């Protein structure tokens, strides 16, 4: 049975850009769930690590607020 990957944090060592992703499924969407280059400076060697609990909660809260209509 397919399972989504664990949340990850992508960091650009060149410009400091950072994004935490929480994939909803095993089908990863480029530049949403997975990054191969920095969207700001186009640097291709991003650092990646497992996301911390704080980063996961921040990403989920941001996603919730982005999808909520007031």
PDB file of N, CA and C in Angstrom:
ATOM      1  N   UNK A   1       0.836  -1.176   0.000  1.00  0.00           N
ATOM      2  CA  UNK A   1       0.000   0.000   0.000  1.00  0.00           C
ATOM      3  C   UNK A   1       0.890   1.252   0.000  1.00  0.00           C
ATOM      4  N   UNK A   2       0.652   2.187  -0.928  1.00  0.00           N
ATOM      5  CA  UNK A   2       1.457   3.406  -0.988  1.00  0.00           C
ATOM      6  C   UNK A   2       1.250   4.277   0.247  1.00  0.00           C
ATOM      7  N   UNK A   3       2.334   4.855   0.702  1.00  0.00           N
ATOM      8  CA  UNK A   3       2.273   5.750   1.862  1.00  0.00           C
ATOM      9  C   UNK A   3       3.001   7.045   1.520  1.00  0.00           C
ATOM     10  N   UNK A   4       2.475   8.181   1.987  1.00  0.00           N
ATOM     11  CA  UNK A   4       3.179   9.442   1.720  1.00  0.00           C
ATOM     12  C   UNK A   4       4.501   9.492   2.470  1.00  0.00           C
ATOM     13  N   UNK A   5       5.492  10.157   1.899  1.00  0.00           N
ATOM     14  CA  UNK A   5       6.775  10.300   2.597  1.00  0.00           C
ATOM     15  C   UNK A   5       6.635  11.219   3.805  1.00  0.00           C
ATOM     16  N   UNK A   6       7.577  11.126   4.702  1.00  0.00           N
ATOM     17  CA  UNK A   6       7.564  11.978   5.887  1.00  0.00           C
ATOM     18  C   UNK A   6       7.820  13.432   5.497  1.00  0.00           C
ATOM     19  N   UNK A   7       7.322  14.382   6.284  1.00  0.00           N
ATOM     20  CA  UNK A   7       7.575  15.798   6.000  1.00  0.00           C
ATOM     21  C   UNK A   7       9.069  16.097   5.974  1.00  0.00           C
ATOM     22  N   UNK A   8       9.464  16.970   5.039  1.00  0.00           N
ATOM     23  CA  UNK A   8      10.869  17.330   4.868  1.00  0.00           C
ATOM     24  C   UNK A   8      10.997  18.841   4.790  1.00  0.00           C
ATOM     25  N   UNK A   9      12.162  19.320   5.181  1.00  0.00           N
ATOM     26  CA  UNK A   9      12.489  20.733   5.060  1.00  0.00           C
ATOM     27  C   UNK A   9      13.606  20.873   4.036  1.00  0.00           C
ATOM     28  N   UNK A  10      13.374  21.728   3.047  1.00  0.00           N
ATOM     29  CA  UNK A  10      14.356  22.013   1.999  1.00  0.00           C
ATOM     30  C   UNK A  10      14.971  23.370   2.299  1.00  0.00           C
ATOM     31  N   UNK A  11      16.301  23.467   2.205  1.00  0.00           N
ATOM     32  CA  UNK A  11      17.021  24.698   2.521  1.00  0.00           C
ATOM     33  C   UNK A  11      18.015  24.983   1.396  1.00  0.00           C
ATOM     34  N   UNK A  12      18.029  26.239   0.934  1.00  0.00           N
ATOM     35  CA  UNK A  12      19.007  26.661  -0.070  1.00  0.00           C
ATOM     36  C   UNK A  12      20.211  27.244   0.656  1.00  0.00           C
ATOM     37  N   UNK A  13      21.393  26.647   0.498  1.00  0.00           N
ATOM     38  CA  UNK A  13      22.579  27.164   1.184  1.00  0.00           C
ATOM     39  C   UNK A  13      23.088  28.480   0.590  1.00  0.00           C
ATOM     40  N   UNK A  14      22.641  28.807  -0.610  1.00  0.00           N
ATOM     41  CA  UNK A  14      23.136  30.013  -1.270  1.00  0.00           C
ATOM     42  C   UNK A  14      22.374  31.269  -0.832  1.00  0.00           C
ATOM     43  N   UNK A  15      21.029  31.214  -0.806  1.00  0.00           N
ATOM     44  CA  UNK A  15      20.257  32.423  -0.486  1.00  0.00           C
ATOM     45  C   UNK A  15      19.489  32.324   0.833  1.00  0.00           C
ATOM     46  N   UNK A  16      19.422  31.133   1.439  1.00  0.00           N
ATOM     47  CA  UNK A  16      18.747  30.980   2.718  1.00  0.00           C
ATOM     48  C   UNK A  16      17.267  30.647   2.624  1.00  0.00           C
ATOM     49  N   UNK A  17      16.741  30.463   1.404  1.00  0.00           N
ATOM     50  CA  UNK A  17      15.339  30.079   1.238  1.00  0.00           C
ATOM     51  C   UNK A  17      15.091  28.760   1.960  1.00  0.00           C
ATOM     52  N   UNK A  18      13.895  28.612   2.539  1.00  0.00           N
ATOM     53  CA  UNK A  18      13.565  27.393   3.284  1.00  0.00           C
ATOM     54  C   UNK A  18      12.088  27.095   3.119  1.00  0.00           C
ATOM     55  N   UNK A  19      11.740  25.816   2.931  1.00  0.00           N
ATOM     56  CA  UNK A  19      10.346  25.415   2.816  1.00  0.00           C
ATOM     57  C   UNK A  19      10.176  24.040   3.429  1.00  0.00           C
ATOM     58  N   UNK A  20       9.129  23.861   4.211  1.00  0.00           N
ATOM     59  CA  UNK A  20       8.784  22.569   4.792  1.00  0.00           C
ATOM     60  C   UNK A  20       7.581  22.029   4.041  1.00  0.00           C
ATOM     61  N   UNK A  21       7.666  20.791   3.593  1.00  0.00           N
ATOM     62  CA  UNK A  21       6.567  20.177   2.857  1.00  0.00           C
ATOM     63  C   UNK A  21       5.980  19.031   3.668  1.00  0.00           C
ATOM     64  N   UNK A  22       4.663  18.866   3.566  1.00  0.00           N
ATOM     65  CA  UNK A  22       3.953  17.758   4.206  1.00  0.00           C
ATOM     66  C   UNK A  22       3.115  17.072   3.122  1.00  0.00           C
ATOM     67  N   UNK A  23       3.712  16.163   2.355  1.00  0.00           N
ATOM     68  CA  UNK A  23       2.998  15.522   1.248  1.00  0.00           C
ATOM     69  C   UNK A  23       1.751  14.779   1.720  1.00  0.00           C
ATOM     70  N   UNK A  24       0.663  14.926   0.952  1.00  0.00           N
ATOM     71  CA  UNK A  24      -0.596  14.265   1.287  1.00  0.00           C
ATOM     72  C   UNK A  24      -0.668  12.851   0.710  1.00  0.00           C
ATOM     73  N   UNK A  25       0.151  12.561  -0.301  1.00  0.00           N
ATOM     74  CA  UNK A  25       0.141  11.226  -0.895  1.00  0.00           C
ATOM     75  C   UNK A  25       1.550  10.870  -1.359  1.00  0.00           C
ATOM     76  N   UNK A  26       1.671   9.685  -1.939  1.00  0.00           N
ATOM     77  CA  UNK A  26       2.981   9.264  -2.431  1.00  0.00           C
ATOM     78  C   UNK A  26       3.294   9.856  -3.805  1.00  0.00           C
ATOM     79  N   UNK A  27       2.319  10.501  -4.434  1.00  0.00           N
ATOM     80  CA  UNK A  27       2.540  11.181  -5.713  1.00  0.00           C
ATOM     81  C   UNK A  27       3.012  12.602  -5.411  1.00  0.00           C
ATOM     82  N   UNK A  28       4.318  12.818  -5.508  1.00  0.00           N
ATOM     83  CA  UNK A  28       4.892  14.115  -5.152  1.00  0.00           C
ATOM     84  C   UNK A  28       4.761  15.104  -6.303  1.00  0.00           C
ATOM     85  N   UNK A  29       4.295  16.299  -5.977  1.00  0.00           N
ATOM     86  CA  UNK A  29       4.149  17.369  -6.968  1.00  0.00           C
ATOM     87  C   UNK A  29       5.384  18.260  -6.913  1.00  0.00           C
ATOM     88  N   UNK A  30       5.996  18.460  -8.064  1.00  0.00           N
ATOM     89  CA  UNK A  30       7.210  19.260  -8.158  1.00  0.00           C
ATOM     90  C   UNK A  30       6.915  20.706  -7.768  1.00  0.00           C
ATOM     91  N   UNK A  31       7.775  21.284  -6.965  1.00  0.00           N
ATOM     92  CA  UNK A  31       7.683  22.653  -6.448  1.00  0.00           C
ATOM     93  C   UNK A  31       6.510  22.869  -5.493  1.00  0.00           C
ATOM     94  N   UNK A  32       5.885  21.791  -5.059  1.00  0.00           N
ATOM     95  CA  UNK A  32       4.868  21.843  -4.007  1.00  0.00           C
ATOM     96  C   UNK A  32       5.263  20.878  -2.897  1.00  0.00           C
ATOM     97  N   UNK A  33       5.473  19.611  -3.260  1.00  0.00           N
ATOM     98  CA  UNK A  33       5.868  18.583  -2.297  1.00  0.00           C
ATOM     99  C   UNK A  33       7.360  18.263  -2.357  1.00  0.00           C
ATOM    100  N   UNK A  34       8.007  18.592  -3.471  1.00  0.00           N
ATOM    101  CA  UNK A  34       9.420  18.259  -3.654  1.00  0.00           C
ATOM    102  C   UNK A  34      10.093  19.359  -4.468  1.00  0.00           C
ATOM    103  N   UNK A  35      11.301  19.725  -4.061  1.00  0.00           N
ATOM    104  CA  UNK A  35      12.050  20.777  -4.752  1.00  0.00           C
ATOM    105  C   UNK A  35      13.398  20.227  -5.186  1.00  0.00           C
ATOM    106  N   UNK A  36      13.772  20.469  -6.430  1.00  0.00           N
ATOM    107  CA  UNK A  36      15.101  20.068  -6.900  1.00  0.00           C
ATOM    108  C   UNK A  36      15.990  21.280  -7.136  1.00  0.00           C
ATOM    109  N   UNK A  37      15.400  22.496  -7.089  1.00  0.00           N
ATOM    110  CA  UNK A  37      16.180  23.730  -7.173  1.00  0.00           C
ATOM    111  C   UNK A  37      15.454  24.826  -6.405  1.00  0.00           C
ATOM    112  N   UNK A  38      16.185  25.827  -6.027  1.00  0.00           N
ATOM    113  CA  UNK A  38      15.637  26.939  -5.261  1.00  0.00           C
ATOM    114  C   UNK A  38      14.758  27.799  -6.173  1.00  0.00           C
ATOM    115  N   UNK A  39      13.514  28.091  -5.774  1.00  0.00           N
ATOM    116  CA  UNK A  39      12.659  28.935  -6.615  1.00  0.00           C
ATOM    117  C   UNK A  39      13.086  30.407  -6.618  1.00  0.00           C
ATOM    118  N   UNK A  40      13.936  30.812  -5.686  1.00  0.00           N
ATOM    119  CA  UNK A  40      14.375  32.209  -5.606  1.00  0.00           C
ATOM    120  C   UNK A  40      15.625  32.446  -6.448  1.00  0.00           C
ATOM    121  N   UNK A  41      16.683  31.656  -6.215  1.00  0.00           N
ATOM    122  CA  UNK A  41      17.966  31.899  -6.896  1.00  0.00           C
ATOM    123  C   UNK A  41      18.331  30.806  -7.907  1.00  0.00           C
ATOM    124  N   UNK A  42      17.498  29.784  -8.060  1.00  0.00           N
ATOM    125  CA  UNK A  42      17.699  28.687  -9.019  1.00  0.00           C
ATOM    126  C   UNK A  42      18.892  27.795  -8.697  1.00  0.00           C
ATOM    127  N   UNK A  43      19.416  27.854  -7.478  1.00  0.00           N
ATOM    128  CA  UNK A  43      20.523  26.982  -7.060  1.00  0.00           C
ATOM    129  C   UNK A  43      20.011  25.542  -7.044  1.00  0.00           C
ATOM    130  N   UNK A  44      20.780  24.603  -7.598  1.00  0.00           N
ATOM    131  CA  UNK A  44      20.274  23.238  -7.774  1.00  0.00           C
ATOM    132  C   UNK A  44      20.646  22.262  -6.670  1.00  0.00           C
ATOM    133  N   UNK A  45      21.532  22.626  -5.774  1.00  0.00           N
ATOM    134  CA  UNK A  45      21.933  21.690  -4.723  1.00  0.00           C
ATOM    135  C   UNK A  45      21.334  22.121  -3.390  1.00  0.00           C
ATOM    136  N   UNK A  46      20.087  21.710  -3.156  1.00  0.00           N
ATOM    137  CA  UNK A  46      19.403  22.054  -1.917  1.00  0.00           C
ATOM    138  C   UNK A  46      19.750  21.058  -0.823  1.00  0.00           C
ATOM    139  N   UNK A  47      19.794  21.548   0.397  1.00  0.00           N
ATOM    140  CA  UNK A  47      19.943  20.669   1.556  1.00  0.00           C
ATOM    141  C   UNK A  47      18.540  20.211   1.944  1.00  0.00           C
ATOM    142  N   UNK A  48      18.426  18.978   2.383  1.00  0.00           N
ATOM    143  CA  UNK A  48      17.133  18.460   2.819  1.00  0.00           C
ATOM    144  C   UNK A  48      17.326  17.673   4.107  1.00  0.00           C
ATOM    145  N   UNK A  49      16.326  17.768   4.974  1.00  0.00           N
ATOM    146  CA  UNK A  49      16.381  17.051   6.248  1.00  0.00           C
ATOM    147  C   UNK A  49      14.951  16.783   6.712  1.00  0.00           C
ATOM    148  N   UNK A  50      14.764  15.820   7.621  1.00  0.00           N
ATOM    149  CA  UNK A  50      13.425  15.607   8.176  1.00  0.00           C
ATOM    150  C   UNK A  50      12.958  16.866   8.903  1.00  0.00           C
ATOM    151  N   UNK A  51      11.693  17.190   8.747  1.00  0.00           N
ATOM    152  CA  UNK A  51      11.137  18.390   9.369  1.00  0.00           C
ATOM    153  C   UNK A  51      10.931  18.171  10.867  1.00  0.00           C
ATOM    154  N   UNK A  52      11.139  19.223  11.634  1.00  0.00           N
ATOM    155  CA  UNK A  52      10.889  19.159  13.077  1.00  0.00           C
ATOM    156  C   UNK A  52       9.385  19.302  13.330  1.00  0.00           C
ATOM    157  N   UNK A  53       8.952  19.012  14.534  1.00  0.00           N
ATOM    158  CA  UNK A  53       7.527  19.137  14.874  1.00  0.00           C
ATOM    159  C   UNK A  53       7.035  20.566  14.700  1.00  0.00           C
ATOM    160  N   UNK A  54       7.864  21.524  15.082  1.00  0.00           N
ATOM    161  CA  UNK A  54       7.492  22.931  14.941  1.00  0.00           C
ATOM    162  C   UNK A  54       7.320  23.297  13.471  1.00  0.00           C
ATOM    163  N   UNK A  55       8.229  22.856  12.626  1.00  0.00           N
ATOM    164  CA  UNK A  55       8.137  23.148  11.192  1.00  0.00           C
ATOM    165  C   UNK A  55       6.909  22.489  10.571  1.00  0.00           C
ATOM    166  N   UNK A  56       6.585  21.277  10.999  1.00  0.00           N
ATOM    167  CA  UNK A  56       5.408  20.579  10.481  1.00  0.00           C
ATOM    168  C   UNK A  56       4.140  21.325  10.865  1.00  0.00           C
ATOM    169  N   UNK A  57       4.035  21.723  12.123  1.00  0.00           N
ATOM    170  CA  UNK A  57       2.839  22.449  12.573  1.00  0.00           C
ATOM    171  C   UNK A  57       2.706  23.791  11.857  1.00  0.00           C
ATOM    172  N   UNK A  58       3.813  24.501  11.661  1.00  0.00           N
ATOM    173  CA  UNK A  58       3.784  25.786  10.951  1.00  0.00           C
ATOM    174  C   UNK A  58       3.325  25.586   9.506  1.00  0.00           C
ATOM    175  N   UNK A  59       3.831  24.547   8.836  1.00  0.00           N
ATOM    176  CA  UNK A  59       3.450  24.274   7.448  1.00  0.00           C
ATOM    177  C   UNK A  59       1.975  23.900   7.353  1.00  0.00           C
ATOM    178  N   UNK A  60       1.485  23.096   8.275  1.00  0.00           N
ATOM    179  CA  UNK A  60       0.066  22.704   8.257  1.00  0.00           C
ATOM    180  C   UNK A  60      -0.840  23.890   8.553  1.00  0.00           C
ATOM    181  N   UNK A  61      -0.446  24.739   9.481  1.00  0.00           N
ATOM    182  CA  UNK A  61      -1.233  25.929   9.799  1.00  0.00           C
ATOM    183  C   UNK A  61      -1.273  26.880   8.601  1.00  0.00           C
ATOM    184  N   UNK A  62      -0.148  27.075   7.950  1.00  0.00           N
ATOM    185  CA  UNK A  62      -0.100  27.926   6.761  1.00  0.00           C
ATOM    186  C   UNK A  62      -0.989  27.366   5.665  1.00  0.00           C
ATOM    187  N   UNK A  63      -0.942  26.061   5.469  1.00  0.00           N
ATOM    188  CA  UNK A  63      -1.763  25.412   4.451  1.00  0.00           C
ATOM    189  C   UNK A  63      -3.250  25.555   4.787  1.00  0.00           C
ATOM    190  N   UNK A  64      -3.611  25.398   6.043  1.00  0.00           N
ATOM    191  CA  UNK A  64      -5.002  25.538   6.473  1.00  0.00           C
ATOM    192  C   UNK A  64      -5.501  26.957   6.244  1.00  0.00           C
ATOM    193  N   UNK A  65      -4.717  27.944   6.647  1.00  0.00           N
ATOM    194  CA  UNK A  65      -5.130  29.336   6.486  1.00  0.00           C
ATOM    195  C   UNK A  65      -5.190  29.748   5.018  1.00  0.00           C
ATOM    196  N   UNK A  66      -4.344  29.173   4.197  1.00  0.00           N
ATOM    197  CA  UNK A  66      -4.355  29.482   2.767  1.00  0.00           C
ATOM    198  C   UNK A  66      -5.627  28.948   2.107  1.00  0.00           C
ATOM    199  N   UNK A  67      -6.156  27.827   2.602  1.00  0.00           N
ATOM    200  CA  UNK A  67      -7.333  27.200   1.998  1.00  0.00           C
ATOM    201  C   UNK A  67      -8.642  27.621   2.651  1.00  0.00           C
ATOM    202  N   UNK A  68      -8.597  28.440   3.692  1.00  0.00           N
ATOM    203  CA  UNK A  68      -9.803  28.870   4.395  1.00  0.00           C
ATOM    204  C   UNK A  68     -10.288  30.187   3.815  1.00  0.00           C
ATOM    205  N   UNK A  69     -11.587  30.246   3.552  1.00  0.00           N
ATOM    206  CA  UNK A  69     -12.188  31.496   3.059  1.00  0.00           C
ATOM    207  C   UNK A  69     -12.932  32.160   4.201  1.00  0.00           C
ATOM    208  N   UNK A  70     -12.679  33.438   4.372  1.00  0.00           N
ATOM    209  CA  UNK A  70     -13.335  34.183   5.449  1.00  0.00           C
ATOM    210  C   UNK A  70     -14.468  34.997   4.901  1.00  0.00           C
TER     211      UNK A  70
END
